[in-house]
Amino acid sequence: MAAQAPPALPPPPPPRIPRLDASGRQMLAFWVLLAVTVGGSAAITYFGFETLSAVRAYVGGEGLWSKAQKDATYRLVRHARGADWLKPVAYVYGIVMAGNGLLHARSPRCS
């Protein structure tokens, strides 16, 4: 008589995914909500600081513009009165500084 092969074993059951009980789900929901709240707060703070920095840079630039404009006007008046007739370059330089290079950009040499 021939030897019989042993019967095939059934496949092992799939691993069980552990389920959370009610208190575990509540703790998970709490930590997720806390993480979302802290992350949202950090994002709002970051964008607030970026906005503050941009506004401060704008105000600083506006102050420089105003100062250069006043200096240019003062030099133009001095030039017009003849007190400083050898320095029209200072007036032009002030206008270029105040106009952010617009005088230079509009000159025919730059076209």
C-alpha atoms as a PDB file:
ATOM      1  CA  MET A   1       0.000   0.000   0.000  1.00  0.00           C
ATOM      2  CA  ALA A   2       1.263   3.421  -0.917  1.00  0.00           C
ATOM      3  CA  ALA A   3       1.835   6.097   1.678  1.00  0.00           C
ATOM      4  CA  GLN A   4      -0.811   8.746   1.684  1.00  0.00           C
ATOM      5  CA  ALA A   5       0.094  12.423   1.734  1.00  0.00           C
ATOM      6  CA  PRO A   6      -0.916  14.249   4.879  1.00  0.00           C
ATOM      7  CA  PRO A   7      -4.027  16.408   4.466  1.00  0.00           C
ATOM      8  CA  ALA A   8      -3.373  20.043   3.453  1.00  0.00           C
ATOM      9  CA  LEU A   9      -3.491  22.562   6.256  1.00  0.00           C
ATOM     10  CA  PRO A  10      -6.005  25.407   5.977  1.00  0.00           C
ATOM     11  CA  PRO A  11      -4.491  28.847   5.345  1.00  0.00           C
ATOM     12  CA  PRO A  12      -3.880  30.960   8.439  1.00  0.00           C
ATOM     13  CA  PRO A  13      -6.547  33.536   9.208  1.00  0.00           C
ATOM     14  CA  PRO A  14      -5.765  37.136   8.234  1.00  0.00           C
ATOM     15  CA  PRO A  15      -4.306  39.244  11.034  1.00  0.00           C
ATOM     16  CA  ARG A  16      -6.891  41.073  13.064  1.00  0.00           C
ATOM     17  CA  ILE A  17      -6.871  44.843  12.958  1.00  0.00           C
ATOM     18  CA  PRO A  18      -7.154  46.025  16.514  1.00  0.00           C
ATOM     19  CA  ARG A  19     -10.291  48.064  17.006  1.00  0.00           C
ATOM     20  CA  LEU A  20     -10.470  51.038  19.310  1.00  0.00           C
ATOM     21  CA  ASP A  21     -13.055  51.120  22.000  1.00  0.00           C
ATOM     22  CA  ALA A  22     -15.120  54.266  22.638  1.00  0.00           C
ATOM     23  CA  SER A  23     -12.597  55.904  24.963  1.00  0.00           C
ATOM     24  CA  GLY A  24      -9.757  55.201  22.521  1.00  0.00           C
ATOM     25  CA  ARG A  25     -11.718  56.840  19.691  1.00  0.00           C
ATOM     26  CA  GLN A  26     -12.382  59.857  21.874  1.00  0.00           C
ATOM     27  CA  MET A  27      -8.678  60.201  22.699  1.00  0.00           C
ATOM     28  CA  LEU A  28      -7.758  59.872  19.033  1.00  0.00           C
ATOM     29  CA  ALA A  29     -10.324  62.522  18.066  1.00  0.00           C
ATOM     30  CA  PHE A  30      -8.988  64.813  20.814  1.00  0.00           C
ATOM     31  CA  TRP A  31      -5.364  64.520  19.647  1.00  0.00           C
ATOM     32  CA  VAL A  32      -6.285  65.004  15.990  1.00  0.00           C
ATOM     33  CA  LEU A  33      -8.346  68.086  16.844  1.00  0.00           C
ATOM     34  CA  LEU A  34      -5.515  69.442  18.990  1.00  0.00           C
ATOM     35  CA  ALA A  35      -2.969  68.912  16.189  1.00  0.00           C
ATOM     36  CA  VAL A  36      -5.238  70.631  13.637  1.00  0.00           C
ATOM     37  CA  THR A  37      -5.827  73.552  16.012  1.00  0.00           C
ATOM     38  CA  VAL A  38      -2.124  74.025  16.771  1.00  0.00           C
ATOM     39  CA  GLY A  39      -1.191  73.699  13.094  1.00  0.00           C
ATOM     40  CA  GLY A  40      -3.870  76.201  12.067  1.00  0.00           C
ATOM     41  CA  SER A  41      -2.709  78.617  14.751  1.00  0.00           C
ATOM     42  CA  ALA A  42       0.890  78.311  13.571  1.00  0.00           C
ATOM     43  CA  ALA A  43      -0.144  78.922   9.940  1.00  0.00           C
ATOM     44  CA  ILE A  44      -2.195  82.003  10.849  1.00  0.00           C
ATOM     45  CA  THR A  45       0.701  83.343  12.932  1.00  0.00           C
ATOM     46  CA  TYR A  46       3.171  82.776  10.086  1.00  0.00           C
ATOM     47  CA  PHE A  47       1.012  84.601   7.541  1.00  0.00           C
ATOM     48  CA  GLY A  48       0.387  87.388  10.056  1.00  0.00           C
ATOM     49  CA  PHE A  49       4.112  87.921  10.530  1.00  0.00           C
ATOM     50  CA  GLU A  50       4.678  87.870   6.775  1.00  0.00           C
ATOM     51  CA  THR A  51       1.966  90.494   6.298  1.00  0.00           C
ATOM     52  CA  LEU A  52       3.397  92.626   9.100  1.00  0.00           C
ATOM     53  CA  SER A  53       6.856  92.428   7.538  1.00  0.00           C
ATOM     54  CA  ALA A  54       5.500  93.436   4.119  1.00  0.00           C
ATOM     55  CA  VAL A  55       3.606  96.410   5.553  1.00  0.00           C
ATOM     56  CA  ARG A  56       6.662  97.572   7.487  1.00  0.00           C
ATOM     57  CA  ALA A  57       8.795  97.361   4.333  1.00  0.00           C
ATOM     58  CA  TYR A  58       6.188  99.350   2.403  1.00  0.00           C
ATOM     59  CA  VAL A  59       6.014 102.059   5.072  1.00  0.00           C
ATOM     60  CA  GLY A  60       9.825 102.240   5.208  1.00  0.00           C
ATOM     61  CA  GLY A  61      10.006 102.594   1.430  1.00  0.00           C
ATOM     62  CA  GLU A  62       7.338 105.271   1.504  1.00  0.00           C
ATOM     63  CA  GLY A  63       9.412 107.197   4.069  1.00  0.00           C
ATOM     64  CA  LEU A  64      12.492 106.979   1.863  1.00  0.00           C
ATOM     65  CA  TRP A  65      10.450 108.132  -1.122  1.00  0.00           C
ATOM     66  CA  SER A  66       9.130 111.144   0.803  1.00  0.00           C
ATOM     67  CA  LYS A  67      12.588 112.099   2.067  1.00  0.00           C
ATOM     68  CA  ALA A  68      14.118 111.857  -1.429  1.00  0.00           C
ATOM     69  CA  GLN A  69      11.254 113.893  -2.860  1.00  0.00           C
ATOM     70  CA  LYS A  70      11.762 116.635  -0.260  1.00  0.00           C
ATOM     71  CA  ASP A  71      15.521 116.652  -0.850  1.00  0.00           C
ATOM     72  CA  ALA A  72      15.002 116.908  -4.608  1.00  0.00           C
ATOM     73  CA  THR A  73      12.550 119.783  -4.192  1.00  0.00           C
ATOM     74  CA  TYR A  74      14.951 121.602  -1.883  1.00  0.00           C
ATOM     75  CA  ARG A  75      17.805 121.175  -4.378  1.00  0.00           C
ATOM     76  CA  LEU A  76      15.614 122.303  -7.265  1.00  0.00           C
ATOM     77  CA  VAL A  77      14.613 125.460  -5.391  1.00  0.00           C
ATOM     78  CA  ARG A  78      18.263 126.186  -4.570  1.00  0.00           C
ATOM     79  CA  HIS A  79      19.190 125.581  -8.202  1.00  0.00           C
ATOM     80  CA  ALA A  80      16.374 127.856  -9.430  1.00  0.00           C
ATOM     81  CA  ARG A  81      17.415 130.662  -7.092  1.00  0.00           C
ATOM     82  CA  GLY A  82      20.958 130.438  -8.365  1.00  0.00           C
ATOM     83  CA  ALA A  83      22.500 129.664  -4.989  1.00  0.00           C
ATOM     84  CA  ASP A  84      23.718 126.284  -6.095  1.00  0.00           C
ATOM     85  CA  TRP A  85      23.919 126.569  -9.872  1.00  0.00           C
ATOM     86  CA  LEU A  86      26.890 124.209 -10.193  1.00  0.00           C
ATOM     87  CA  LYS A  87      25.069 121.246  -8.677  1.00  0.00           C
ATOM     88  CA  PRO A  88      22.056 120.337 -10.803  1.00  0.00           C
ATOM     89  CA  VAL A  89      23.252 116.748 -10.623  1.00  0.00           C
ATOM     90  CA  ALA A  90      22.133 116.558  -6.993  1.00  0.00           C
ATOM     91  CA  TYR A  91      18.584 117.449  -8.054  1.00  0.00           C
ATOM     92  CA  VAL A  92      18.559 114.857 -10.823  1.00  0.00           C
ATOM     93  CA  TYR A  93      19.990 112.258  -8.464  1.00  0.00           C
ATOM     94  CA  GLY A  94      17.222 113.048  -5.961  1.00  0.00           C
ATOM     95  CA  ILE A  95      14.561 112.680  -8.623  1.00  0.00           C
ATOM     96  CA  VAL A  96      16.024 109.375  -9.754  1.00  0.00           C
ATOM     97  CA  MET A  97      16.074 108.141  -6.171  1.00  0.00           C
ATOM     98  CA  ALA A  98      12.507 109.328  -5.569  1.00  0.00           C
ATOM     99  CA  GLY A  99      11.228 108.036  -8.888  1.00  0.00           C
ATOM    100  CA  ASN A 100      12.894 104.654  -8.485  1.00  0.00           C
ATOM    101  CA  GLY A 101      14.766 105.105 -11.718  1.00  0.00           C
ATOM    102  CA  LEU A 102      11.807 106.300 -13.792  1.00  0.00           C
ATOM    103  CA  LEU A 103      13.711 109.330 -15.056  1.00  0.00           C
ATOM    104  CA  HIS A 104      16.505 107.064 -16.250  1.00  0.00           C
ATOM    105  CA  ALA A 105      14.075 104.536 -17.740  1.00  0.00           C
ATOM    106  CA  ARG A 106      12.300 107.248 -19.737  1.00  0.00           C
ATOM    107  CA  SER A 107      15.462 108.723 -21.188  1.00  0.00           C
ATOM    108  CA  PRO A 108      15.954 108.143 -24.939  1.00  0.00           C
ATOM    109  CA  ARG A 109      19.241 106.384 -24.301  1.00  0.00           C
ATOM    110  CA  CYS A 110      17.442 103.500 -22.533  1.00  0.00           C
ATOM    111  CA  SER A 111      14.832 102.949 -25.261  1.00  0.00           C
END
